[in-house]
Amino acid sequence: MDLHNTAYEVKEGVALLTVNRPDKLNALNRATLEEIGLALDEAELDGSVGALVVTGSGDKAFIAGADIGEIAELDAGAGRRFALFGQNLFRRIETFPKPVIGAINGFALGGGCELAMACHMRLASETAQFGQPEINLGIIPGYGGTQRLSRLVGRGIALEILLSGDRIPAQRAYEIGLVNAVVPKEELVTRALALGARLASKAPLAARYILEAVQAGVEMPMEEGCYLEATLFALSCASEDMKEGTKAFLEKRKPSFRGR
């Protein structure tokens, strides 16, 4: 991959994607979003990758938002295209068939908060801050923030964050369920990679079906969600991994999953 605004590497079965524009606080311009899409392609097709960690470079920001210079030039038509492009990319993260972990190392504001929320799990450093400050620019979130935030933390708290534009610290984000854990800054990426490695060691087909069942099922009535779960359970029962997993359990040994 020809990357300029991001960095991508694989460590022991876990892909690490770093948004790398520290002089711009890792703001998301169009080129950066396109590179994130390329990294998703690579991680999805690489059979050695079982999980993906997303973080930001530098000491200050995970992603401080979208590129305001680009936003300032938008009219209604361009604004709609701008929003749909980012929404489609973040939806791809949300529906990615392998676990995606956000390692939030600093400011996660605007589009950065929206990208973090699209990840399946989020670890935050003690210095991380979250927010949707778009209202201070006379606009609203465009990359799914109004939808994911209310689903993660509830309508009342989401509206407080969205309408005030205020930042919230990492501990508050943990208390409202926006992040899974708060960890020391110097341990953040190591802890995220370790979590990724643990998840990557699990049965990959089962992980894919769990992600699909949760992401799709949460939008369905209970009966439809349970029907989807039963269908995916049936598919898992037909897999080689199921045979290996149950056999290893009965033989009291560690399973060797192959994703088939």
Protein backbone atom coordinates (compact mmCIF):
# COMPACT_ATOMS: atom_id res chain seq x y z
CA MET A 1 0.00 0.00 0.00
CA ASP A 2 1.15 3.54 -0.80
CA LEU A 3 0.34 5.29 2.48
CA HIS A 4 1.08 8.92 3.37
CA ASN A 5 -1.41 9.82 6.10
CA THR A 6 -1.59 6.47 7.87
CA ALA A 7 0.72 3.64 8.89
CA TYR A 8 -0.11 -0.06 8.79
CA GLU A 9 1.71 -3.06 10.24
CA VAL A 10 0.87 -6.55 11.44
CA LYS A 11 2.09 -7.79 14.82
CA GLU A 12 1.48 -11.43 15.76
CA GLY A 13 -1.83 -11.70 13.96
CA VAL A 14 -3.08 -8.22 14.86
CA ALA A 15 -3.08 -5.36 12.34
CA LEU A 16 -2.21 -1.93 13.76
CA LEU A 17 -3.56 1.03 11.78
CA THR A 18 -2.25 4.43 12.89
CA VAL A 19 -3.69 7.69 11.61
CA ASN A 20 -0.47 9.63 11.05
CA ARG A 21 -1.02 13.37 10.68
CA PRO A 22 0.28 14.58 14.07
CA ASP A 23 0.83 18.14 12.81
CA LYS A 24 -2.92 18.26 12.05
CA LEU A 25 -3.89 16.36 15.21
CA ASN A 26 -4.66 13.43 12.88
CA ALA A 27 -7.64 15.22 11.32
CA LEU A 28 -9.54 13.20 8.74
CA ASN A 29 -9.28 14.60 5.25
CA ARG A 30 -10.46 12.75 2.16
CA ALA A 31 -7.04 11.22 1.47
CA THR A 32 -6.81 9.85 5.01
CA LEU A 33 -10.26 8.30 4.80
CA GLU A 34 -9.31 6.64 1.52
CA GLU A 35 -6.16 5.20 3.11
CA ILE A 36 -8.21 3.80 5.99
CA GLY A 37 -10.33 2.04 3.37
CA LEU A 38 -7.20 0.54 1.81
CA ALA A 39 -6.06 -0.70 5.21
CA LEU A 40 -9.44 -2.34 5.79
CA ASP A 41 -9.06 -4.11 2.45
CA GLU A 42 -5.64 -5.40 3.47
CA ALA A 43 -6.71 -6.55 6.94
CA GLU A 44 -9.82 -8.29 5.64
CA LEU A 45 -8.01 -10.22 2.90
CA ASP A 46 -4.99 -11.18 5.03
CA GLY A 47 -5.74 -14.58 6.54
CA SER A 48 -3.01 -14.10 9.14
CA VAL A 49 -4.85 -11.09 10.63
CA GLY A 50 -7.42 -11.92 13.28
CA ALA A 51 -8.09 -8.45 14.70
CA LEU A 52 -7.48 -4.79 13.94
CA VAL A 53 -6.38 -1.99 16.28
CA VAL A 54 -6.87 1.65 15.27
CA THR A 55 -4.99 4.48 16.99
CA GLY A 56 -3.52 7.93 16.32
CA SER A 57 0.07 9.14 16.19
CA GLY A 58 1.61 11.65 18.56
CA ASP A 59 0.85 12.53 22.15
CA LYS A 60 -2.20 14.75 21.77
CA ALA A 61 -4.81 13.22 19.51
CA PHE A 62 -6.46 10.02 18.45
CA ILE A 63 -8.30 11.93 15.73
CA ALA A 64 -9.24 15.54 16.46
CA GLY A 65 -12.03 15.58 13.88
CA ALA A 66 -12.61 16.07 10.19
CA ASP A 67 -10.52 18.56 8.23
CA ILE A 68 -12.26 21.90 8.88
CA GLY A 69 -10.67 23.42 5.79
CA GLU A 70 -12.50 20.87 3.64
CA ILE A 71 -15.78 21.33 5.51
CA ALA A 72 -15.66 25.11 5.10
CA GLU A 73 -15.90 24.75 1.32
CA LEU A 74 -19.00 22.53 1.30
CA ASP A 75 -22.41 23.44 -0.04
CA ALA A 76 -25.53 21.30 0.40
CA GLY A 77 -24.78 18.90 -2.44
CA ALA A 78 -21.12 18.49 -1.57
CA GLY A 79 -22.03 18.18 2.11
CA ARG A 80 -24.30 15.24 1.42
CA ARG A 81 -21.59 13.50 -0.59
CA PHE A 82 -19.07 14.27 2.15
CA ALA A 83 -21.29 12.74 4.83
CA LEU A 84 -22.22 9.64 2.82
CA PHE A 85 -18.59 8.88 2.00
CA GLY A 86 -17.59 8.93 5.66
CA GLN A 87 -20.72 7.08 6.76
CA ASN A 88 -20.07 4.27 4.30
CA LEU A 89 -16.48 3.90 5.48
CA PHE A 90 -17.41 3.92 9.16
CA ARG A 91 -20.22 1.46 8.52
CA ARG A 92 -17.61 -0.80 6.98
CA ILE A 93 -15.61 -0.59 10.21
CA GLU A 94 -18.73 -1.33 12.24
CA THR A 95 -19.56 -4.38 10.12
CA PHE A 96 -15.96 -5.56 9.69
CA PRO A 97 -15.80 -9.37 9.96
CA LYS A 98 -12.90 -9.27 12.41
CA PRO A 99 -12.80 -7.53 15.80
CA VAL A 100 -11.84 -3.84 15.59
CA ILE A 101 -10.44 -2.15 18.71
CA GLY A 102 -10.06 1.60 19.04
CA ALA A 103 -7.01 2.66 21.09
CA ILE A 104 -8.00 6.23 21.96
CA ASN A 105 -4.77 8.01 22.88
CA GLY A 106 -5.95 11.63 23.04
CA PHE A 107 -8.58 13.90 21.51
CA ALA A 108 -11.41 11.95 19.86
CA LEU A 109 -13.55 14.78 18.62
CA GLY A 110 -16.08 15.06 15.81
CA GLY A 111 -15.15 12.55 13.13
CA GLY A 112 -12.61 11.04 15.52
CA CYS A 113 -15.30 10.27 18.07
CA GLU A 114 -17.47 8.92 15.26
CA LEU A 115 -14.69 6.61 14.06
CA ALA A 116 -14.08 5.43 17.62
CA MET A 117 -17.76 4.62 18.03
CA ALA A 118 -17.70 2.55 14.84
CA CYS A 119 -15.07 0.27 16.40
CA HIS A 120 -16.35 -2.83 18.16
CA MET A 121 -14.50 -2.02 21.39
CA ARG A 122 -12.69 1.03 22.73
CA LEU A 123 -9.80 1.40 25.15
CA ALA A 124 -8.99 4.95 26.23
CA SER A 125 -5.89 6.45 27.77
CA GLU A 126 -6.35 8.44 30.94
CA THR A 127 -5.78 11.65 28.97
CA ALA A 128 -8.31 10.90 26.21
CA GLN A 129 -11.20 13.30 25.62
CA PHE A 130 -14.36 12.68 23.62
CA GLY A 131 -16.87 15.01 22.06
CA GLN A 132 -19.07 16.00 19.13
CA PRO A 133 -18.39 19.74 18.86
CA GLU A 134 -19.98 20.20 15.43
CA ILE A 135 -22.71 22.44 16.84
CA ASN A 136 -20.01 25.04 17.57
CA LEU A 137 -19.38 25.21 13.81
CA GLY A 138 -23.05 25.54 12.93
CA ILE A 139 -23.31 21.96 11.64
CA ILE A 140 -24.21 18.53 12.97
CA PRO A 141 -22.22 15.29 13.00
CA GLY A 142 -22.19 13.71 9.55
CA TYR A 143 -20.39 10.40 9.95
CA GLY A 144 -23.02 8.63 12.07
CA GLY A 145 -22.45 10.43 15.37
CA THR A 146 -26.09 11.23 16.07
CA GLN A 147 -27.01 7.59 15.56
CA ARG A 148 -24.20 5.64 17.23
CA LEU A 149 -23.85 7.89 20.26
CA SER A 150 -27.50 7.53 21.24
CA ARG A 151 -27.29 3.76 20.77
CA LEU A 152 -24.18 3.51 22.94
CA VAL A 153 -25.01 5.84 25.82
CA GLY A 154 -28.77 6.47 25.60
CA ARG A 155 -30.78 9.35 24.18
CA GLY A 156 -30.54 11.79 27.09
CA ILE A 157 -26.76 11.68 27.53
CA ALA A 158 -26.25 11.67 23.76
CA LEU A 159 -28.32 14.83 23.38
CA GLU A 160 -26.38 16.49 26.20
CA ILE A 161 -23.10 15.78 24.41
CA LEU A 162 -24.37 16.69 20.95
CA LEU A 163 -26.23 19.89 21.91
CA SER A 164 -23.55 21.26 24.24
CA GLY A 165 -20.57 20.41 22.06
CA ASP A 166 -18.63 19.90 25.30
CA ARG A 167 -15.74 17.48 25.71
CA ILE A 168 -15.94 14.66 28.21
CA PRO A 169 -12.90 13.06 29.89
CA ALA A 170 -12.00 9.39 29.62
CA GLN A 171 -13.36 8.42 33.03
CA ARG A 172 -16.74 9.97 32.26
CA ALA A 173 -16.72 8.17 28.90
CA TYR A 174 -16.20 4.91 30.77
CA GLU A 175 -18.97 5.65 33.24
CA ILE A 176 -21.54 6.23 30.47
CA GLY A 177 -20.47 3.15 28.51
CA LEU A 178 -18.72 4.94 25.67
CA VAL A 179 -15.45 3.07 26.28
CA ASN A 180 -14.71 -0.41 27.61
CA ALA A 181 -11.74 0.55 29.80
CA VAL A 182 -9.42 3.39 30.76
CA VAL A 183 -5.73 2.49 30.93
CA PRO A 184 -2.45 4.33 31.54
CA LYS A 185 -1.35 6.17 28.40
CA GLU A 186 1.98 4.38 28.15
CA GLU A 187 0.20 1.00 28.20
CA LEU A 188 -2.59 1.82 25.76
CA VAL A 189 -1.36 0.36 22.47
CA THR A 190 0.27 -2.61 24.21
CA ARG A 191 -2.98 -3.41 25.99
CA ALA A 192 -5.00 -2.96 22.80
CA LEU A 193 -2.67 -5.26 20.85
CA ALA A 194 -2.83 -7.83 23.65
CA LEU A 195 -6.63 -7.72 23.57
CA GLY A 196 -6.52 -8.04 19.80
CA ALA A 197 -4.21 -11.06 20.05
CA ARG A 198 -6.53 -12.72 22.56
CA LEU A 199 -9.54 -12.17 20.31
CA ALA A 200 -7.58 -13.31 17.25
CA SER A 201 -6.85 -16.62 18.99
CA LYS A 202 -10.55 -17.48 19.10
CA ALA A 203 -12.49 -19.31 16.39
CA PRO A 204 -12.54 -16.82 13.47
CA LEU A 205 -15.81 -18.00 11.91
CA ALA A 206 -17.58 -17.87 15.25
CA ALA A 207 -16.18 -14.37 15.84
CA ARG A 208 -17.48 -13.29 12.44
CA TYR A 209 -20.94 -14.70 13.16
CA ILE A 210 -21.03 -13.06 16.61
CA LEU A 211 -20.17 -9.69 15.10
CA GLU A 212 -22.87 -10.11 12.47
CA ALA A 213 -25.47 -11.27 14.99
CA VAL A 214 -24.86 -8.33 17.31
CA GLN A 215 -24.44 -5.59 14.70
CA ALA A 216 -27.44 -6.63 12.59
CA GLY A 217 -29.58 -8.01 15.40
CA VAL A 218 -29.52 -4.88 17.53
CA GLU A 219 -31.52 -3.12 14.80
CA MET A 220 -34.13 -5.90 14.59
CA PRO A 221 -37.13 -6.86 16.70
CA MET A 222 -36.23 -9.59 19.18
CA GLU A 223 -37.90 -12.36 17.16
CA GLU A 224 -35.99 -11.46 13.99
CA GLY A 225 -32.74 -11.11 15.89
CA CYS A 226 -33.16 -14.54 17.44
CA TYR A 227 -33.95 -16.01 14.02
CA LEU A 228 -30.72 -14.51 12.68
CA GLU A 229 -28.85 -15.95 15.66
CA ALA A 230 -30.30 -19.43 15.03
CA THR A 231 -29.29 -19.24 11.37
CA LEU A 232 -25.73 -18.24 12.22
CA PHE A 233 -25.59 -20.88 14.97
CA ALA A 234 -26.57 -23.48 12.38
CA LEU A 235 -23.79 -22.31 10.06
CA SER A 236 -21.27 -22.55 12.88
CA CYS A 237 -22.41 -26.11 13.60
CA ALA A 238 -21.50 -27.05 10.02
CA SER A 239 -17.94 -25.72 10.33
CA GLU A 240 -14.68 -27.58 10.81
CA ASP A 241 -13.93 -25.17 13.66
CA MET A 242 -16.99 -26.45 15.56
CA LYS A 243 -15.80 -30.02 15.20
CA GLU A 244 -12.30 -29.07 16.29
CA GLY A 245 -13.51 -26.95 19.20
CA THR A 246 -15.83 -29.56 20.66
CA LYS A 247 -13.29 -32.35 20.11
CA ALA A 248 -10.54 -30.34 21.81
CA PHE A 249 -12.83 -29.64 24.76
CA LEU A 250 -13.62 -33.32 25.21
CA GLU A 251 -9.96 -34.24 24.83
CA LYS A 252 -8.94 -31.52 27.32
CA ARG A 253 -6.55 -29.76 24.93
CA LYS A 254 -6.26 -26.37 23.27
CA PRO A 255 -8.18 -26.16 19.97
CA SER A 256 -6.48 -25.34 16.70
CA PHE A 257 -8.98 -23.28 14.69
CA ARG A 258 -8.53 -22.81 10.96
CA GLY A 259 -11.43 -20.55 10.06
CA ARG A 260 -13.30 -23.21 8.09
